[in-house]
Amino acid sequence: MPDTLFANVSATGQSMILRAQAVMPHNAPMVNLVTTKKLTKGKTQADLPYVTSQATVQTPTEGDEIGFSDTFTIGSVSIVPGIKVVRYRLSKRLENMSQEDITAMVGDEMGRAQGQNVDELLLAQFTNFHTDNDVGSTNTDMTFATARTANRKIIATTPANGGPPTGQKKSLVLSPIGYEDFLANLGAQGVVASTNPWIPQGLSADIMRQYAVPGGDLLGGVGIFWDPYLQGSFVNGSGDVLAGLFTEKALWYIVSSEWNHDVFTRDDWLGVILRSDADYGVGVGPISHWGSQVTIDDA
């Protein structure tokens, strides 16, 4: 018997989901840069606590009673997940192809769709960072100076606003054009006046070498990334895009349930229907000063 798609549709469907789960993070750069929290059974939302008061150090007089100068108070930010669905109809004509081929194609496409959805939800949160940290301007290319200012605003967060994000990784996510402009600003402009090397020696060359290595960083620990979905609908006016520099706890990815799958057949459809569903949501964490919206030209 030939190795066809419908010879064992249940097992094949499961393989598609497993492949999609493996592929999805590679199609969603943002998922790897934020904090993920899995809800326990019975929970319908994530409540992220934070301190709303500030403690002070006293200098009591010896022999005097120590009084209470502070009251410890907390608040919380709630993020509510929502149902997401991917639904495919697989034509009966696909039964002439092998399970491996269909598993790869459908799994890859499902993973891309899932990754794109999560990524775009997270990218849309850049506008919810505190306005104190907004940098950049319309019709202006991305520069190192802009990234430097955004980073400074985040690490200079006052205790009243949550304090500096010590011990957290920071990431700058740019659009493809913003990424190109950023490289140009660092010196990677190609041949200039037919003189090599065209990447200037010294700091610029060192930064470029570090930036070109996967996992490299600059700005004292800020990872630089480009995101293919940060374009199109993510604009602010004509030709501009809203990028972002943020810490891992500035944005949260809340998962109530991972992707599940079901396979259906219908008498009016020659083939099968594959449906995947998940329950997740995203949001800015309790300290919105740990992120910076970066407006850059994207034309």
Protein backbone atom coordinates (compact mmCIF):
# COMPACT_ATOMS: atom_id res chain seq x y z
CA MET A 1 0.00 0.00 0.00
CA PRO A 2 1.39 3.44 -0.87
CA ASP A 3 2.42 5.79 1.93
CA THR A 4 -0.44 8.23 1.49
CA LEU A 5 -1.77 11.07 3.60
CA PHE A 6 -5.06 9.43 4.51
CA ALA A 7 -3.62 5.99 5.30
CA ASN A 8 -3.32 7.18 8.90
CA VAL A 9 -4.82 10.64 9.09
CA SER A 10 -4.82 10.84 12.88
CA ALA A 11 -1.11 10.14 13.19
CA THR A 12 -0.36 12.47 10.31
CA GLY A 13 -2.40 15.25 11.89
CA GLN A 14 -0.47 14.85 15.12
CA SER A 15 2.80 15.03 13.19
CA MET A 16 1.67 18.25 11.56
CA ILE A 17 0.97 19.80 14.95
CA LEU A 18 4.29 18.66 16.36
CA ARG A 19 6.10 20.16 13.38
CA ALA A 20 4.13 23.38 13.68
CA GLN A 21 5.03 23.61 17.37
CA ALA A 22 8.70 23.17 16.50
CA VAL A 23 8.58 25.69 13.66
CA MET A 24 6.46 28.36 15.37
CA PRO A 25 9.20 29.91 17.59
CA HIS A 26 11.43 30.33 14.52
CA ASN A 27 8.65 32.33 12.87
CA ALA A 28 8.11 34.50 15.93
CA PRO A 29 11.27 36.35 16.98
CA MET A 30 9.36 38.22 19.69
CA VAL A 31 8.35 35.06 21.57
CA ASN A 32 11.99 34.44 22.42
CA LEU A 33 12.53 37.96 23.79
CA VAL A 34 9.67 38.32 26.28
CA THR A 35 8.56 36.55 29.45
CA THR A 36 6.30 33.53 28.98
CA LYS A 37 3.90 32.46 31.73
CA LYS A 38 1.79 29.30 31.58
CA LEU A 39 -1.51 29.51 33.45
CA THR A 40 -2.37 26.70 35.82
CA LYS A 41 -5.66 24.82 35.62
CA GLY A 42 -8.61 26.89 36.73
CA LYS A 43 -6.95 30.23 35.99
CA THR A 44 -8.61 32.45 33.39
CA GLN A 45 -6.13 35.33 33.52
CA ALA A 46 -2.61 36.20 34.66
CA ASP A 47 -2.31 38.66 37.53
CA LEU A 48 1.15 40.22 37.60
CA PRO A 49 1.83 41.94 40.96
CA TYR A 50 4.02 44.96 41.52
CA VAL A 51 4.93 47.22 44.44
CA THR A 52 3.16 50.59 44.51
CA SER A 53 5.04 52.03 47.49
CA GLN A 54 8.66 52.88 48.20
CA ALA A 55 10.65 51.80 51.22
CA THR A 56 13.06 54.22 52.90
CA VAL A 57 16.02 53.58 55.16
CA GLN A 58 15.72 55.17 58.59
CA THR A 59 18.48 56.44 60.83
CA PRO A 60 16.99 56.11 64.33
CA THR A 61 18.40 57.73 67.41
CA GLU A 62 19.82 55.23 69.82
CA GLY A 63 17.38 54.51 72.58
CA ASP A 64 14.35 55.86 70.72
CA GLU A 65 11.49 53.69 69.54
CA ILE A 66 11.58 52.84 65.83
CA GLY A 67 8.42 54.00 64.14
CA PHE A 68 6.76 52.92 60.91
CA SER A 69 7.58 55.30 58.09
CA ASP A 70 6.43 53.14 55.18
CA THR A 71 3.42 51.07 54.21
CA PHE A 72 4.00 48.15 51.85
CA THR A 73 1.31 48.17 49.16
CA ILE A 74 0.96 46.24 45.94
CA GLY A 75 -1.08 46.38 42.76
CA SER A 76 -1.41 44.06 39.80
CA VAL A 77 -1.79 44.05 36.03
CA SER A 78 -4.12 41.44 34.52
CA ILE A 79 -3.66 39.84 31.10
CA VAL A 80 -6.55 37.76 29.78
CA PRO A 81 -5.80 35.16 27.07
CA GLY A 82 -8.15 34.46 24.18
CA ILE A 83 -8.91 31.56 21.86
CA LYS A 84 -6.95 31.39 18.58
CA VAL A 85 -7.80 28.97 15.75
CA VAL A 86 -6.12 27.74 12.55
CA ARG A 87 -8.39 25.72 10.25
CA TYR A 88 -7.31 23.91 7.09
CA ARG A 89 -9.14 21.91 4.44
CA LEU A 90 -6.93 19.25 2.87
CA SER A 91 -7.99 18.14 -0.60
CA LYS A 92 -8.47 14.43 -1.29
CA ARG A 93 -6.05 14.83 -4.18
CA LEU A 94 -3.29 15.14 -1.60
CA GLU A 95 -3.65 11.44 -0.83
CA ASN A 96 -1.41 10.84 -3.82
CA MET A 97 1.43 12.56 -1.97
CA SER A 98 3.37 11.01 0.88
CA GLN A 99 2.61 11.72 4.51
CA GLU A 100 6.08 13.17 5.00
CA ASP A 101 5.63 15.75 2.24
CA ILE A 102 2.22 16.90 3.45
CA THR A 103 3.30 16.90 7.09
CA ALA A 104 6.21 19.18 6.22
CA MET A 105 4.20 21.60 4.07
CA VAL A 106 1.13 21.89 6.30
CA GLY A 107 3.15 21.86 9.51
CA ASP A 108 5.42 24.63 8.25
CA GLU A 109 2.49 26.78 7.15
CA MET A 110 0.62 26.28 10.42
CA GLY A 111 3.77 27.15 12.35
CA ARG A 112 4.20 30.29 10.28
CA ALA A 113 0.60 31.39 10.83
CA GLN A 114 0.83 30.73 14.58
CA GLY A 115 4.17 32.49 14.85
CA GLN A 116 2.99 35.50 12.88
CA ASN A 117 -0.09 35.90 15.08
CA VAL A 118 1.89 35.85 18.34
CA ASP A 119 4.55 38.13 16.89
CA GLU A 120 2.10 40.74 15.64
CA LEU A 121 0.23 40.76 18.96
CA LEU A 122 3.50 41.44 20.79
CA LEU A 123 4.68 44.05 18.29
CA ALA A 124 1.40 45.93 18.71
CA GLN A 125 2.21 46.34 22.42
CA PHE A 126 5.06 48.78 21.70
CA THR A 127 2.52 51.60 21.70
CA ASN A 128 1.60 50.73 25.30
CA PHE A 129 5.05 51.45 26.75
CA HIS A 130 5.11 54.58 28.91
CA THR A 131 5.16 57.77 26.85
CA ASP A 132 8.06 59.07 28.98
CA ASN A 133 10.28 56.69 27.02
CA ASP A 134 9.12 57.48 23.47
CA VAL A 135 12.07 58.23 21.17
CA GLY A 136 12.66 58.81 17.49
CA SER A 137 10.64 60.93 15.12
CA THR A 138 8.75 60.65 11.87
CA ASN A 139 10.65 60.64 8.56
CA THR A 140 13.94 59.97 10.41
CA ASP A 141 16.09 56.90 9.80
CA MET A 142 17.04 54.59 12.66
CA THR A 143 20.39 55.52 14.20
CA PHE A 144 22.70 54.31 16.94
CA ALA A 145 22.01 57.54 18.83
CA THR A 146 18.27 56.77 18.90
CA ALA A 147 18.92 53.30 20.28
CA ARG A 148 21.32 54.74 22.83
CA THR A 149 18.70 57.23 24.04
CA ALA A 150 16.01 54.54 24.33
CA ASN A 151 18.37 52.34 26.32
CA ARG A 152 19.30 55.22 28.64
CA LYS A 153 15.66 56.01 29.36
CA ILE A 154 15.02 52.39 30.36
CA ILE A 155 18.07 51.92 32.60
CA ALA A 156 17.39 55.31 34.21
CA THR A 157 13.93 54.28 35.41
CA THR A 158 13.43 55.87 38.82
CA PRO A 159 12.44 53.87 41.92
CA ALA A 160 9.05 55.59 41.86
CA ASN A 161 8.46 54.15 38.38
CA GLY A 162 9.73 50.66 39.17
CA GLY A 163 13.47 51.15 39.24
CA PRO A 164 16.16 50.06 36.75
CA PRO A 165 15.62 46.63 35.14
CA THR A 166 18.68 45.00 36.67
CA GLY A 167 19.51 41.45 35.61
CA GLN A 168 17.17 41.43 32.61
CA LYS A 169 18.05 40.97 28.97
CA LYS A 170 17.12 43.88 26.72
CA SER A 171 16.20 43.73 23.06
CA LEU A 172 15.82 46.20 20.22
CA VAL A 173 13.44 45.00 17.49
CA LEU A 174 13.49 46.82 14.16
CA SER A 175 11.72 46.56 10.83
CA PRO A 176 13.75 45.24 7.88
CA ILE A 177 14.25 48.80 6.56
CA GLY A 178 15.02 50.09 10.04
CA TYR A 179 17.58 47.31 10.38
CA GLU A 180 19.16 48.34 7.07
CA ASP A 181 19.28 52.01 8.10
CA PHE A 182 20.78 51.06 11.45
CA LEU A 183 23.58 49.13 9.74
CA ALA A 184 24.21 52.07 7.43
CA ASN A 185 24.46 54.38 10.43
CA LEU A 186 27.05 52.06 11.98
CA GLY A 187 29.14 52.27 8.84
CA ALA A 188 28.07 49.31 6.69
CA GLN A 189 27.36 51.41 3.60
CA GLY A 190 29.23 49.44 0.97
CA VAL A 191 32.07 50.88 -1.08
CA VAL A 192 32.52 54.57 -0.29
CA ALA A 193 34.56 56.51 -2.86
CA SER A 194 35.99 53.17 -4.02
CA THR A 195 38.12 53.00 -0.89
CA ASN A 196 38.38 49.81 1.17
CA PRO A 197 37.69 48.90 3.89
CA TRP A 198 34.27 50.48 3.71
CA ILE A 199 33.43 49.60 7.34
CA PRO A 200 35.57 52.06 9.33
CA GLN A 201 38.21 50.61 11.58
CA GLY A 202 37.90 50.97 15.35
CA LEU A 203 34.63 51.04 17.27
CA SER A 204 32.38 50.78 14.23
CA ALA A 205 34.16 47.69 12.91
CA ASP A 206 34.17 46.06 16.33
CA ILE A 207 30.46 46.70 16.77
CA MET A 208 29.70 45.28 13.34
CA ARG A 209 31.64 42.08 14.07
CA GLN A 210 29.71 41.66 17.32
CA TYR A 211 26.40 42.49 15.69
CA ALA A 212 26.93 40.05 12.86
CA VAL A 213 27.39 37.09 15.24
CA PRO A 214 24.14 35.35 16.32
CA GLY A 215 23.53 36.31 19.92
CA GLY A 216 25.91 39.24 19.74
CA ASP A 217 24.96 42.48 21.43
CA LEU A 218 25.87 46.09 21.78
CA LEU A 219 24.83 49.03 23.92
CA GLY A 220 25.94 47.11 27.00
CA GLY A 221 23.80 44.02 26.57
CA VAL A 222 21.03 45.03 24.16
CA GLY A 223 20.34 42.36 21.55
CA ILE A 224 19.52 43.73 18.10
CA PHE A 225 16.91 41.93 16.01
CA TRP A 226 14.88 42.51 12.86
CA ASP A 227 11.33 41.26 12.57
CA PRO A 228 9.70 40.55 9.19
CA TYR A 229 6.24 41.37 10.55
CA LEU A 230 7.19 44.85 11.78
CA GLN A 231 5.95 46.60 8.67
CA GLY A 232 2.72 47.12 6.79
CA SER A 233 0.04 47.69 9.42
CA PHE A 234 2.52 48.68 12.13
CA VAL A 235 2.90 52.25 10.97
CA ASN A 236 2.54 55.68 12.49
CA GLY A 237 1.70 58.05 9.71
CA SER A 238 3.03 57.89 6.19
CA GLY A 239 6.14 55.77 5.84
CA ASP A 240 6.94 55.39 9.55
CA VAL A 241 7.00 52.31 11.75
CA LEU A 242 6.91 51.83 15.52
CA ALA A 243 9.85 49.71 16.66
CA GLY A 244 10.73 49.01 20.28
CA LEU A 245 13.51 48.55 22.82
CA PHE A 246 12.42 46.63 25.91
CA THR A 247 13.39 44.25 28.70
CA GLU A 248 12.20 40.68 28.90
CA LYS A 249 9.73 41.56 31.69
CA ALA A 250 8.33 44.58 29.90
CA LEU A 251 6.25 42.27 27.70
CA TRP A 252 4.45 39.05 28.69
CA TYR A 253 3.16 36.12 26.67
CA ILE A 254 0.43 34.37 28.68
CA VAL A 255 -0.50 30.83 27.65
CA SER A 256 -3.62 29.12 28.94
CA SER A 257 -3.38 26.17 26.55
CA GLU A 258 -0.90 25.21 23.85
CA TRP A 259 -1.96 24.34 20.32
CA ASN A 260 -4.23 21.27 20.13
CA HIS A 261 -5.55 19.60 17.02
CA ASP A 262 -8.62 17.80 15.73
CA VAL A 263 -9.29 16.09 12.41
CA PHE A 264 -12.76 16.04 10.80
CA THR A 265 -14.38 14.56 7.73
CA ARG A 266 -17.53 15.86 6.04
CA ASP A 267 -19.79 14.21 3.52
CA ASP A 268 -19.80 17.34 1.36
CA TRP A 269 -16.02 17.68 1.21
CA LEU A 270 -13.62 15.25 -0.49
CA GLY A 271 -10.80 15.25 2.00
CA VAL A 272 -10.30 16.13 5.64
CA ILE A 273 -10.42 19.27 7.78
CA LEU A 274 -7.60 19.95 10.20
CA ARG A 275 -8.26 22.38 13.04
CA SER A 276 -5.81 23.69 15.62
CA ASP A 277 -6.70 25.87 18.57
CA ALA A 278 -4.86 27.55 21.42
CA ASP A 279 -5.60 30.01 24.21
CA TYR A 280 -3.09 32.81 24.79
CA GLY A 281 -2.71 36.55 25.16
CA VAL A 282 -0.05 39.24 25.48
CA GLY A 283 0.41 42.51 27.31
CA VAL A 284 2.77 45.05 28.82
CA GLY A 285 3.90 44.09 32.32
CA PRO A 286 3.44 46.09 35.52
CA ILE A 287 6.37 48.42 34.77
CA SER A 288 5.69 50.15 31.48
CA HIS A 289 8.88 52.22 31.84
CA TRP A 290 10.90 49.10 30.98
CA GLY A 291 10.02 49.58 27.31
CA SER A 292 10.57 52.32 24.76
CA GLN A 293 8.57 53.00 21.62
CA VAL A 294 10.93 53.93 18.78
CA THR A 295 9.48 55.85 15.83
CA ILE A 296 11.57 55.46 12.68
CA ASP A 297 11.25 56.08 8.97
CA ASP A 298 10.36 52.90 7.10
CA ALA A 299 10.32 54.14 3.54
